[in-house]
Amino acid sequence: MRPVFRKLSALLIVAMILVLSGCSDQYLVLDPKGPIASAQKDLMIISSLICLIIAVPVIAMTAVIVWRYRERPNSKAKYKPYWEHSTKLETIWWGIPIIAIAILAVITVDYTHKLEPSVAIQSEQKPIEIQVTSLDWKWLFTYPDEEIATVNYVKFPVDTPVVFKLTSDMAMNSFWIPNLGGQLYAMSGMAMTLNLLADEEGTYYGSGANFTGKDFAQMTFNADVTTKEEYDRWVQEVKQTEVALTDADVVKLKEQGTAEVAQFSSFPENLFYNIVLQYVEEGETSAHANHMASGVTKTDDQAVDEESSEHHNH
């Protein structure tokens, strides 16, 4: 049995290595390119170290006990059939975990409040807003201030806060740029808020992190972070050289299927919030419906989105 067990163990280790090798994109969270991702990395490292304070001694003691008290001829281990209590040992193996959990709880609560996704990032630069719509199976990005739109591609300037407004046309998804911060759900009928900032130029991997059907794995995109000057030139180039996104184009984008990267010089008015409100029944009282009916200001938009985020962020 022992040779068979060794072979099975070796096969299991090889299988684990092969499986984990397919998760290389997940290591992007350990290569932060912005303050949010950096803080999240710190929290992961601190939490892991605190857990290791408990895990390493327990694993080591388990190995020592198994070896020392294994069945063998002429064993020299002490035999104490009536031993049942040690105040010193009880204090150690209950006290250390309790202290570690208390420290971990305090740190986690502190970071959770600091990393609330709807909280604006403090910066001297004026933030830009990008509206993100999850479609089957593609991403639609609309820039309300620049009045341009893109599919499966997003671009924004370095050292500039970006306010992502997230929604979904149908199935719930999860918007994620691992180098810049954690994921946040995009849900139909909701407008979530995710604040991110990139402090290094580059091209970063983005994806949908929630299963949404057959081609969900194709819902990836590049997030290009450039200088402010290059970003402004890109916006002007899109306006001058690309076609407009029409209502007919939107209907086609909503159909199930993948799509190539595309750019548009304009998009239908209130496209993002029309998608948010498409499932609101006539006469239904809704914060979003009241917003659309009364034409409230952007400040009211933010209040609505922040209220949504408080109840639904991940």
C-alpha atoms as a PDB file:
ATOM      1  CA  MET A   1       0.000   0.000   0.000  1.00  0.00           C
ATOM      2  CA  ARG A   2       2.807   2.424   0.796  1.00  0.00           C
ATOM      3  CA  PRO A   3       4.196   2.615  -2.797  1.00  0.00           C
ATOM      4  CA  VAL A   4       0.674   3.184  -4.097  1.00  0.00           C
ATOM      5  CA  PHE A   5       0.107   5.916  -1.524  1.00  0.00           C
ATOM      6  CA  ARG A   6       3.353   7.639  -2.520  1.00  0.00           C
ATOM      7  CA  LYS A   7       2.396   7.546  -6.201  1.00  0.00           C
ATOM      8  CA  LEU A   8      -1.038   8.978  -5.479  1.00  0.00           C
ATOM      9  CA  SER A   9       0.509  11.741  -3.368  1.00  0.00           C
ATOM     10  CA  ALA A  10       2.942  12.620  -6.168  1.00  0.00           C
ATOM     11  CA  LEU A  11       0.109  12.714  -8.718  1.00  0.00           C
ATOM     12  CA  LEU A  12      -1.922  14.955  -6.404  1.00  0.00           C
ATOM     13  CA  ILE A  13       0.960  17.419  -6.048  1.00  0.00           C
ATOM     14  CA  VAL A  14       1.501  17.513  -9.826  1.00  0.00           C
ATOM     15  CA  ALA A  15      -2.229  18.065 -10.377  1.00  0.00           C
ATOM     16  CA  MET A  16      -2.264  20.948  -7.880  1.00  0.00           C
ATOM     17  CA  ILE A  17       0.704  22.587  -9.615  1.00  0.00           C
ATOM     18  CA  LEU A  18      -0.984  22.301 -13.009  1.00  0.00           C
ATOM     19  CA  VAL A  19      -4.260  23.720 -11.693  1.00  0.00           C
ATOM     20  CA  LEU A  20      -2.569  26.635  -9.939  1.00  0.00           C
ATOM     21  CA  SER A  21      -0.485  27.403 -13.028  1.00  0.00           C
ATOM     22  CA  GLY A  22      -3.725  28.415 -14.748  1.00  0.00           C
ATOM     23  CA  CYS A  23      -4.402  31.055 -12.111  1.00  0.00           C
ATOM     24  CA  SER A  24      -1.477  33.348 -12.949  1.00  0.00           C
ATOM     25  CA  ASP A  25      -3.817  36.308 -13.478  1.00  0.00           C
ATOM     26  CA  GLN A  26      -4.842  36.088  -9.838  1.00  0.00           C
ATOM     27  CA  TYR A  27      -1.297  37.005  -8.772  1.00  0.00           C
ATOM     28  CA  LEU A  28      -1.899  40.485 -10.187  1.00  0.00           C
ATOM     29  CA  VAL A  29      -3.407  41.417  -6.818  1.00  0.00           C
ATOM     30  CA  LEU A  30       0.117  41.136  -5.384  1.00  0.00           C
ATOM     31  CA  ASP A  31       1.432  43.671  -7.916  1.00  0.00           C
ATOM     32  CA  PRO A  32      -0.571  46.805  -7.026  1.00  0.00           C
ATOM     33  CA  LYS A  33      -0.451  49.871  -9.264  1.00  0.00           C
ATOM     34  CA  GLY A  34      -2.629  52.153  -7.163  1.00  0.00           C
ATOM     35  CA  PRO A  35      -3.364  53.125  -3.553  1.00  0.00           C
ATOM     36  CA  ILE A  36      -6.492  50.968  -3.231  1.00  0.00           C
ATOM     37  CA  ALA A  37      -4.768  47.819  -4.454  1.00  0.00           C
ATOM     38  CA  SER A  38      -1.726  48.592  -2.276  1.00  0.00           C
ATOM     39  CA  ALA A  39      -3.873  48.844   0.843  1.00  0.00           C
ATOM     40  CA  GLN A  40      -5.670  45.613  -0.059  1.00  0.00           C
ATOM     41  CA  LYS A  41      -2.328  43.864  -0.540  1.00  0.00           C
ATOM     42  CA  ASP A  42      -1.191  45.086   2.892  1.00  0.00           C
ATOM     43  CA  LEU A  43      -4.371  43.715   4.443  1.00  0.00           C
ATOM     44  CA  MET A  44      -3.853  40.309   2.791  1.00  0.00           C
ATOM     45  CA  ILE A  45      -0.228  40.108   3.954  1.00  0.00           C
ATOM     46  CA  ILE A  46      -1.032  41.191   7.524  1.00  0.00           C
ATOM     47  CA  SER A  47      -3.958  38.735   7.732  1.00  0.00           C
ATOM     48  CA  SER A  48      -1.819  35.892   6.366  1.00  0.00           C
ATOM     49  CA  LEU A  49       0.998  36.566   8.837  1.00  0.00           C
ATOM     50  CA  ILE A  50      -1.406  36.638  11.779  1.00  0.00           C
ATOM     51  CA  CYS A  51      -2.939  33.352  10.637  1.00  0.00           C
ATOM     52  CA  LEU A  52       0.539  31.820  10.277  1.00  0.00           C
ATOM     53  CA  ILE A  53       1.241  32.640  13.928  1.00  0.00           C
ATOM     54  CA  ILE A  54      -1.394  30.003  14.710  1.00  0.00           C
ATOM     55  CA  ALA A  55      -1.028  27.670  11.745  1.00  0.00           C
ATOM     56  CA  VAL A  56       2.758  27.121  11.793  1.00  0.00           C
ATOM     57  CA  PRO A  57       3.023  26.016  15.468  1.00  0.00           C
ATOM     58  CA  VAL A  58      -0.056  23.764  15.105  1.00  0.00           C
ATOM     59  CA  ILE A  59       1.333  22.059  11.997  1.00  0.00           C
ATOM     60  CA  ALA A  60       4.760  21.702  13.605  1.00  0.00           C
ATOM     61  CA  MET A  61       3.291  20.265  16.810  1.00  0.00           C
ATOM     62  CA  THR A  62       1.143  17.847  14.814  1.00  0.00           C
ATOM     63  CA  ALA A  63       4.221  16.507  13.015  1.00  0.00           C
ATOM     64  CA  VAL A  64       6.175  16.206  16.288  1.00  0.00           C
ATOM     65  CA  ILE A  65       3.313  14.418  18.077  1.00  0.00           C
ATOM     66  CA  VAL A  66       2.741  11.994  15.198  1.00  0.00           C
ATOM     67  CA  TRP A  67       6.440  11.153  15.088  1.00  0.00           C
ATOM     68  CA  ARG A  68       7.095  11.010  18.826  1.00  0.00           C
ATOM     69  CA  TYR A  69       4.043   8.956  19.760  1.00  0.00           C
ATOM     70  CA  ARG A  70       3.957   6.645  16.760  1.00  0.00           C
ATOM     71  CA  GLU A  71       3.619   2.969  17.451  1.00  0.00           C
ATOM     72  CA  ARG A  72       7.034   1.319  17.608  1.00  0.00           C
ATOM     73  CA  PRO A  73       8.907  -1.268  19.648  1.00  0.00           C
ATOM     74  CA  ASN A  74      10.695  -0.046  22.780  1.00  0.00           C
ATOM     75  CA  SER A  75       9.010   3.350  22.691  1.00  0.00           C
ATOM     76  CA  LYS A  76      10.398   5.762  25.313  1.00  0.00           C
ATOM     77  CA  ALA A  77       7.391   8.098  25.255  1.00  0.00           C
ATOM     78  CA  LYS A  78       5.805   8.556  28.660  1.00  0.00           C
ATOM     79  CA  TYR A  79       2.518   6.717  29.183  1.00  0.00           C
ATOM     80  CA  LYS A  80       0.044   8.797  31.242  1.00  0.00           C
ATOM     81  CA  PRO A  81      -3.427   7.266  30.927  1.00  0.00           C
ATOM     82  CA  TYR A  82      -4.923   9.420  33.704  1.00  0.00           C
ATOM     83  CA  TRP A  83      -3.492  12.817  32.619  1.00  0.00           C
ATOM     84  CA  GLU A  84      -6.359  15.125  31.610  1.00  0.00           C
ATOM     85  CA  HIS A  85      -5.617  18.804  32.280  1.00  0.00           C
ATOM     86  CA  SER A  86      -2.889  21.459  32.174  1.00  0.00           C
ATOM     87  CA  THR A  87      -3.781  25.061  32.968  1.00  0.00           C
ATOM     88  CA  LYS A  88      -0.588  26.258  31.322  1.00  0.00           C
ATOM     89  CA  LEU A  89      -1.256  24.432  28.046  1.00  0.00           C
ATOM     90  CA  GLU A  90      -4.930  25.412  28.015  1.00  0.00           C
ATOM     91  CA  THR A  91      -3.961  29.072  28.431  1.00  0.00           C
ATOM     92  CA  ILE A  92      -1.497  28.846  25.540  1.00  0.00           C
ATOM     93  CA  TRP A  93      -3.682  27.094  22.973  1.00  0.00           C
ATOM     94  CA  TRP A  94      -6.771  29.166  23.767  1.00  0.00           C
ATOM     95  CA  GLY A  95      -5.115  32.490  24.585  1.00  0.00           C
ATOM     96  CA  ILE A  96      -2.933  32.868  21.485  1.00  0.00           C
ATOM     97  CA  PRO A  97      -5.784  32.262  18.968  1.00  0.00           C
ATOM     98  CA  ILE A  98      -8.114  34.612  20.852  1.00  0.00           C
ATOM     99  CA  ILE A  99      -5.521  37.393  20.824  1.00  0.00           C
ATOM    100  CA  ALA A 100      -4.752  36.776  17.128  1.00  0.00           C
ATOM    101  CA  ILE A 101      -8.442  36.850  16.161  1.00  0.00           C
ATOM    102  CA  ALA A 102      -9.007  40.048  18.147  1.00  0.00           C
ATOM    103  CA  ILE A 103      -6.059  41.758  16.408  1.00  0.00           C
ATOM    104  CA  LEU A 104      -7.255  40.497  13.023  1.00  0.00           C
ATOM    105  CA  ALA A 105     -10.788  41.776  13.705  1.00  0.00           C
ATOM    106  CA  VAL A 106      -9.588  45.287  14.590  1.00  0.00           C
ATOM    107  CA  ILE A 107      -7.334  45.499  11.527  1.00  0.00           C
ATOM    108  CA  THR A 108     -10.031  44.145   9.186  1.00  0.00           C
ATOM    109  CA  VAL A 109     -12.683  46.573  10.436  1.00  0.00           C
ATOM    110  CA  ASP A 110     -10.279  49.499  10.013  1.00  0.00           C
ATOM    111  CA  TYR A 111      -9.334  48.519   6.448  1.00  0.00           C
ATOM    112  CA  THR A 112     -12.952  47.771   5.543  1.00  0.00           C
ATOM    113  CA  HIS A 113     -13.966  51.334   6.373  1.00  0.00           C
ATOM    114  CA  LYS A 114     -10.939  52.840   4.611  1.00  0.00           C
ATOM    115  CA  LEU A 115     -11.493  50.752   1.471  1.00  0.00           C
ATOM    116  CA  GLU A 116     -15.243  51.325   1.110  1.00  0.00           C
ATOM    117  CA  PRO A 117     -15.571  51.373  -2.725  1.00  0.00           C
ATOM    118  CA  SER A 118     -18.011  54.304  -2.862  1.00  0.00           C
ATOM    119  CA  VAL A 119     -15.730  56.637  -0.847  1.00  0.00           C
ATOM    120  CA  ALA A 120     -14.064  59.250  -3.069  1.00  0.00           C
ATOM    121  CA  ILE A 121     -10.269  59.159  -3.358  1.00  0.00           C
ATOM    122  CA  GLN A 122      -8.607  62.353  -2.167  1.00  0.00           C
ATOM    123  CA  SER A 123      -6.546  63.947  -4.931  1.00  0.00           C
ATOM    124  CA  GLU A 124      -5.629  67.322  -6.371  1.00  0.00           C
ATOM    125  CA  GLN A 125      -6.735  66.059  -9.770  1.00  0.00           C
ATOM    126  CA  LYS A 126     -10.367  66.335 -10.813  1.00  0.00           C
ATOM    127  CA  PRO A 127     -11.917  62.841 -10.960  1.00  0.00           C
ATOM    128  CA  ILE A 128     -13.332  61.488 -14.184  1.00  0.00           C
ATOM    129  CA  GLU A 129     -16.488  59.382 -14.409  1.00  0.00           C
ATOM    130  CA  ILE A 130     -16.720  56.213 -16.475  1.00  0.00           C
ATOM    131  CA  GLN A 131     -20.016  54.354 -16.715  1.00  0.00           C
ATOM    132  CA  VAL A 132     -19.626  50.585 -17.025  1.00  0.00           C
ATOM    133  CA  THR A 133     -22.355  48.285 -18.316  1.00  0.00           C
ATOM    134  CA  SER A 134     -22.024  44.502 -18.224  1.00  0.00           C
ATOM    135  CA  LEU A 135     -23.549  42.884 -21.314  1.00  0.00           C
ATOM    136  CA  ASP A 136     -23.687  39.269 -22.531  1.00  0.00           C
ATOM    137  CA  TRP A 137     -20.682  38.839 -23.026  1.00  0.00           C
ATOM    138  CA  LYS A 138     -18.926  42.154 -23.374  1.00  0.00           C
ATOM    139  CA  TRP A 139     -18.235  45.410 -21.503  1.00  0.00           C
ATOM    140  CA  LEU A 140     -19.623  48.772 -22.569  1.00  0.00           C
ATOM    141  CA  PHE A 141     -17.849  51.879 -21.244  1.00  0.00           C
ATOM    142  CA  THR A 142     -19.436  55.310 -21.628  1.00  0.00           C
ATOM    143  CA  TYR A 143     -17.721  58.586 -20.720  1.00  0.00           C
ATOM    144  CA  PRO A 144     -20.464  61.123 -19.836  1.00  0.00           C
ATOM    145  CA  ASP A 145     -18.116  64.119 -19.668  1.00  0.00           C
ATOM    146  CA  GLU A 146     -16.182  63.291 -22.839  1.00  0.00           C
ATOM    147  CA  GLU A 147     -19.332  61.944 -24.591  1.00  0.00           C
ATOM    148  CA  ILE A 148     -17.523  58.959 -26.113  1.00  0.00           C
ATOM    149  CA  ALA A 149     -17.967  55.211 -25.659  1.00  0.00           C
ATOM    150  CA  THR A 150     -15.847  52.061 -25.949  1.00  0.00           C
ATOM    151  CA  VAL A 151     -16.426  48.307 -25.960  1.00  0.00           C
ATOM    152  CA  ASN A 152     -14.040  45.926 -24.168  1.00  0.00           C
ATOM    153  CA  TYR A 153     -11.499  48.710 -23.671  1.00  0.00           C
ATOM    154  CA  VAL A 154     -11.096  51.516 -21.173  1.00  0.00           C
ATOM    155  CA  LYS A 155      -8.584  54.351 -20.898  1.00  0.00           C
ATOM    156  CA  PHE A 156      -7.929  56.976 -18.245  1.00  0.00           C
ATOM    157  CA  PRO A 157      -5.076  59.223 -17.040  1.00  0.00           C
ATOM    158  CA  VAL A 158      -2.513  58.349 -14.384  1.00  0.00           C
ATOM    159  CA  ASP A 159      -2.768  59.841 -10.875  1.00  0.00           C
ATOM    160  CA  THR A 160      -6.384  60.776 -11.543  1.00  0.00           C
ATOM    161  CA  PRO A 161      -9.283  59.390  -9.477  1.00  0.00           C
ATOM    162  CA  VAL A 162     -11.724  57.399 -11.599  1.00  0.00           C
ATOM    163  CA  VAL A 163     -15.342  57.042 -10.496  1.00  0.00           C
ATOM    164  CA  PHE A 164     -16.681  53.880 -12.108  1.00  0.00           C
ATOM    165  CA  LYS A 165     -20.500  53.653 -12.170  1.00  0.00           C
ATOM    166  CA  LEU A 166     -21.457  50.005 -12.602  1.00  0.00           C
ATOM    167  CA  THR A 167     -24.623  48.318 -13.797  1.00  0.00           C
ATOM    168  CA  SER A 168     -25.648  45.230 -15.750  1.00  0.00           C
ATOM    169  CA  ASP A 169     -28.068  44.818 -18.597  1.00  0.00           C
ATOM    170  CA  MET A 170     -29.161  41.374 -17.396  1.00  0.00           C
ATOM    171  CA  ALA A 171     -27.045  38.854 -15.480  1.00  0.00           C
ATOM    172  CA  MET A 172     -25.151  40.004 -12.404  1.00  0.00           C
ATOM    173  CA  ASN A 173     -21.438  40.312 -13.019  1.00  0.00           C
ATOM    174  CA  SER A 174     -18.367  41.496 -11.138  1.00  0.00           C
ATOM    175  CA  PHE A 175     -16.078  44.248 -12.453  1.00  0.00           C
ATOM    176  CA  TRP A 176     -12.408  43.749 -11.638  1.00  0.00           C
ATOM    177  CA  ILE A 177      -9.051  45.341 -12.503  1.00  0.00           C
ATOM    178  CA  PRO A 178      -6.775  43.337 -10.142  1.00  0.00           C
ATOM    179  CA  ASN A 179      -3.777  45.710 -10.290  1.00  0.00           C
ATOM    180  CA  LEU A 180      -5.934  48.649  -9.207  1.00  0.00           C
ATOM    181  CA  GLY A 181      -8.369  47.253  -6.647  1.00  0.00           C
ATOM    182  CA  GLY A 182     -10.918  44.677  -5.623  1.00  0.00           C
ATOM    183  CA  GLN A 183     -13.957  43.581  -7.549  1.00  0.00           C
ATOM    184  CA  LEU A 184     -17.437  45.083  -7.242  1.00  0.00           C
ATOM    185  CA  TYR A 185     -20.715  43.608  -8.430  1.00  0.00           C
ATOM    186  CA  ALA A 186     -22.544  45.065 -11.418  1.00  0.00           C
ATOM    187  CA  MET A 187     -26.281  44.356 -11.057  1.00  0.00           C
ATOM    188  CA  SER A 188     -29.303  45.099 -13.192  1.00  0.00           C
ATOM    189  CA  GLY A 189     -31.472  47.877 -11.810  1.00  0.00           C
ATOM    190  CA  MET A 190     -28.593  49.194  -9.693  1.00  0.00           C
ATOM    191  CA  ALA A 191     -25.896  51.844 -10.205  1.00  0.00           C
ATOM    192  CA  MET A 192     -22.915  50.931  -8.046  1.00  0.00           C
ATOM    193  CA  THR A 193     -19.900  53.178  -7.394  1.00  0.00           C
ATOM    194  CA  LEU A 194     -16.283  52.036  -7.447  1.00  0.00           C
ATOM    195  CA  ASN A 195     -13.471  54.556  -6.913  1.00  0.00           C
ATOM    196  CA  LEU A 196     -10.017  53.612  -8.212  1.00  0.00           C
ATOM    197  CA  LEU A 197      -6.753  55.366  -9.017  1.00  0.00           C
ATOM    198  CA  ALA A 198      -3.665  54.241 -10.943  1.00  0.00           C
ATOM    199  CA  ASP A 199      -0.330  55.725  -9.887  1.00  0.00           C
ATOM    200  CA  GLU A 200       1.692  54.100 -12.692  1.00  0.00           C
ATOM    201  CA  GLU A 201       1.240  54.201 -16.445  1.00  0.00           C
ATOM    202  CA  GLY A 202       0.684  50.893 -18.168  1.00  0.00           C
ATOM    203  CA  THR A 203      -1.833  48.437 -19.582  1.00  0.00           C
ATOM    204  CA  TYR A 204      -3.694  46.436 -16.952  1.00  0.00           C
ATOM    205  CA  TYR A 205      -5.844  43.326 -17.205  1.00  0.00           C
ATOM    206  CA  GLY A 206      -9.552  43.647 -16.480  1.00  0.00           C
ATOM    207  CA  SER A 207     -12.315  41.060 -16.470  1.00  0.00           C
ATOM    208  CA  GLY A 208     -15.702  39.939 -15.296  1.00  0.00           C
ATOM    209  CA  ALA A 209     -15.157  37.873 -12.154  1.00  0.00           C
ATOM    210  CA  ASN A 210     -18.629  36.338 -11.923  1.00  0.00           C
ATOM    211  CA  PHE A 211     -19.968  33.433 -14.008  1.00  0.00           C
ATOM    212  CA  THR A 212     -22.560  34.730 -16.486  1.00  0.00           C
ATOM    213  CA  GLY A 213     -22.889  31.968 -19.052  1.00  0.00           C
ATOM    214  CA  LYS A 214     -21.209  30.335 -22.035  1.00  0.00           C
ATOM    215  CA  ASP A 215     -18.738  33.054 -23.044  1.00  0.00           C
ATOM    216  CA  PHE A 216     -18.154  34.744 -19.691  1.00  0.00           C
ATOM    217  CA  ALA A 217     -14.449  33.903 -19.954  1.00  0.00           C
ATOM    218  CA  GLN A 218     -14.250  36.216 -22.991  1.00  0.00           C
ATOM    219  CA  MET A 219     -15.337  39.217 -20.900  1.00  0.00           C
ATOM    220  CA  THR A 220     -11.835  40.607 -20.556  1.00  0.00           C
ATOM    221  CA  PHE A 221     -10.545  44.058 -21.408  1.00  0.00           C
ATOM    222  CA  ASN A 222      -7.424  46.195 -21.251  1.00  0.00           C
ATOM    223  CA  ALA A 223      -7.307  49.241 -19.008  1.00  0.00           C
ATOM    224  CA  ASP A 224      -4.783  51.679 -20.475  1.00  0.00           C
ATOM    225  CA  VAL A 225      -3.356  54.235 -18.045  1.00  0.00           C
ATOM    226  CA  THR A 226      -1.608  57.140 -19.783  1.00  0.00           C
ATOM    227  CA  THR A 227      -0.576  60.721 -19.202  1.00  0.00           C
ATOM    228  CA  LYS A 228      -3.307  63.357 -19.078  1.00  0.00           C
ATOM    229  CA  GLU A 229      -2.070  64.824 -22.368  1.00  0.00           C
ATOM    230  CA  GLU A 230      -2.181  61.473 -24.151  1.00  0.00           C
ATOM    231  CA  TYR A 231      -5.639  60.784 -22.711  1.00  0.00           C
ATOM    232  CA  ASP A 232      -6.950  64.137 -24.013  1.00  0.00           C
ATOM    233  CA  ARG A 233      -5.476  63.435 -27.457  1.00  0.00           C
ATOM    234  CA  TRP A 234      -7.127  60.018 -27.497  1.00  0.00           C
ATOM    235  CA  VAL A 235     -10.529  61.510 -26.624  1.00  0.00           C
ATOM    236  CA  GLN A 236     -10.249  64.035 -29.446  1.00  0.00           C
ATOM    237  CA  GLU A 237      -9.117  61.359 -31.884  1.00  0.00           C
ATOM    238  CA  VAL A 238     -12.096  59.149 -31.030  1.00  0.00           C
ATOM    239  CA  LYS A 239     -14.484  62.076 -31.490  1.00  0.00           C
ATOM    240  CA  GLN A 240     -13.017  62.949 -34.877  1.00  0.00           C
ATOM    241  CA  THR A 241     -12.449  59.535 -36.412  1.00  0.00           C
ATOM    242  CA  GLU A 242     -14.993  57.085 -35.000  1.00  0.00           C
ATOM    243  CA  VAL A 243     -18.698  56.639 -35.761  1.00  0.00           C
ATOM    244  CA  ALA A 244     -21.484  57.290 -33.266  1.00  0.00           C
ATOM    245  CA  LEU A 245     -23.036  54.559 -31.148  1.00  0.00           C
ATOM    246  CA  THR A 246     -26.702  54.474 -32.167  1.00  0.00           C
ATOM    247  CA  ASP A 247     -29.749  52.979 -30.484  1.00  0.00           C
ATOM    248  CA  ALA A 248     -29.645  50.187 -33.072  1.00  0.00           C
ATOM    249  CA  ASP A 249     -26.019  49.475 -32.145  1.00  0.00           C
ATOM    250  CA  VAL A 250     -26.983  49.288 -28.465  1.00  0.00           C
ATOM    251  CA  VAL A 251     -29.714  46.757 -29.242  1.00  0.00           C
ATOM    252  CA  LYS A 252     -27.182  44.644 -31.137  1.00  0.00           C
ATOM    253  CA  LEU A 253     -24.648  44.898 -28.298  1.00  0.00           C
ATOM    254  CA  LYS A 254     -27.278  43.628 -25.883  1.00  0.00           C
ATOM    255  CA  GLU A 255     -27.624  40.411 -27.849  1.00  0.00           C
ATOM    256  CA  GLN A 256     -25.743  37.430 -26.457  1.00  0.00           C
ATOM    257  CA  GLY A 257     -22.339  37.035 -28.017  1.00  0.00           C
ATOM    258  CA  THR A 258     -18.772  38.270 -27.854  1.00  0.00           C
ATOM    259  CA  ALA A 259     -17.505  41.503 -29.409  1.00  0.00           C
ATOM    260  CA  GLU A 260     -14.242  43.000 -30.591  1.00  0.00           C
ATOM    261  CA  VAL A 261     -12.747  46.188 -29.170  1.00  0.00           C
ATOM    262  CA  ALA A 262     -14.633  49.206 -30.533  1.00  0.00           C
ATOM    263  CA  GLN A 263     -14.717  52.985 -30.021  1.00  0.00           C
ATOM    264  CA  PHE A 264     -17.547  55.458 -30.661  1.00  0.00           C
ATOM    265  CA  SER A 265     -17.569  59.223 -31.035  1.00  0.00           C
ATOM    266  CA  SER A 266     -20.867  59.594 -29.153  1.00  0.00           C
ATOM    267  CA  PHE A 267     -23.670  57.558 -27.588  1.00  0.00           C
ATOM    268  CA  PRO A 268     -27.434  57.956 -26.964  1.00  0.00           C
ATOM    269  CA  GLU A 269     -28.331  60.423 -24.229  1.00  0.00           C
ATOM    270  CA  ASN A 270     -28.826  58.919 -20.752  1.00  0.00           C
ATOM    271  CA  LEU A 271     -27.857  55.484 -22.083  1.00  0.00           C
ATOM    272  CA  PHE A 272     -26.424  54.251 -18.778  1.00  0.00           C
ATOM    273  CA  TYR A 273     -29.392  55.274 -16.628  1.00  0.00           C
ATOM    274  CA  ASN A 274     -31.878  54.062 -19.234  1.00  0.00           C
ATOM    275  CA  ILE A 275     -30.286  50.626 -18.857  1.00  0.00           C
ATOM    276  CA  VAL A 276     -30.469  50.946 -15.066  1.00  0.00           C
ATOM    277  CA  LEU A 277     -34.180  51.810 -15.233  1.00  0.00           C
ATOM    278  CA  GLN A 278     -35.289  49.393 -17.949  1.00  0.00           C
ATOM    279  CA  TYR A 279     -36.814  46.948 -15.446  1.00  0.00           C
ATOM    280  CA  VAL A 280     -38.582  49.589 -13.329  1.00  0.00           C
ATOM    281  CA  GLU A 281     -42.329  49.230 -13.794  1.00  0.00           C
ATOM    282  CA  GLU A 282     -44.439  52.270 -14.544  1.00  0.00           C
ATOM    283  CA  GLY A 283     -45.606  53.966 -11.355  1.00  0.00           C
ATOM    284  CA  GLU A 284     -43.083  52.158  -9.198  1.00  0.00           C
ATOM    285  CA  THR A 285     -41.467  54.412  -6.606  1.00  0.00           C
ATOM    286  CA  SER A 286     -37.724  54.196  -6.993  1.00  0.00           C
ATOM    287  CA  ALA A 287     -34.827  56.448  -6.097  1.00  0.00           C
ATOM    288  CA  HIS A 288     -33.422  55.952  -9.584  1.00  0.00           C
ATOM    289  CA  ALA A 289     -36.811  56.530 -11.212  1.00  0.00           C
ATOM    290  CA  ASN A 290     -37.259  59.785  -9.298  1.00  0.00           C
ATOM    291  CA  HIS A 291     -33.807  60.830 -10.426  1.00  0.00           C
ATOM    292  CA  MET A 292     -34.623  60.289 -14.089  1.00  0.00           C
ATOM    293  CA  ALA A 293     -38.035  61.903 -13.842  1.00  0.00           C
ATOM    294  CA  SER A 294     -36.905  65.078 -12.111  1.00  0.00           C
ATOM    295  CA  GLY A 295     -33.553  65.524 -13.857  1.00  0.00           C
ATOM    296  CA  VAL A 296     -31.589  65.870 -10.629  1.00  0.00           C
ATOM    297  CA  THR A 297     -27.950  66.921 -10.508  1.00  0.00           C
ATOM    298  CA  LYS A 298     -24.845  64.772 -10.499  1.00  0.00           C
ATOM    299  CA  THR A 299     -24.577  65.244  -6.745  1.00  0.00           C
ATOM    300  CA  ASP A 300     -27.898  63.467  -6.367  1.00  0.00           C
ATOM    301  CA  ASP A 301     -26.596  60.733  -8.671  1.00  0.00           C
ATOM    302  CA  GLN A 302     -23.733  60.176  -6.302  1.00  0.00           C
ATOM    303  CA  ALA A 303     -26.035  60.053  -3.300  1.00  0.00           C
ATOM    304  CA  VAL A 304     -28.183  57.403  -4.965  1.00  0.00           C
ATOM    305  CA  ASP A 305     -25.153  55.363  -6.028  1.00  0.00           C
ATOM    306  CA  GLU A 306     -23.547  55.578  -2.605  1.00  0.00           C
ATOM    307  CA  GLU A 307     -26.767  54.402  -0.979  1.00  0.00           C
ATOM    308  CA  SER A 308     -26.817  51.455  -3.384  1.00  0.00           C
ATOM    309  CA  SER A 309     -23.177  50.630  -2.698  1.00  0.00           C
ATOM    310  CA  GLU A 310     -23.675  50.606   1.054  1.00  0.00           C
ATOM    311  CA  HIS A 311     -26.161  47.774   0.721  1.00  0.00           C
ATOM    312  CA  HIS A 312     -24.769  45.815  -2.207  1.00  0.00           C
ATOM    313  CA  ASN A 313     -20.987  46.196  -2.522  1.00  0.00           C
ATOM    314  CA  HIS A 314     -18.724  43.171  -2.397  1.00  0.00           C
END
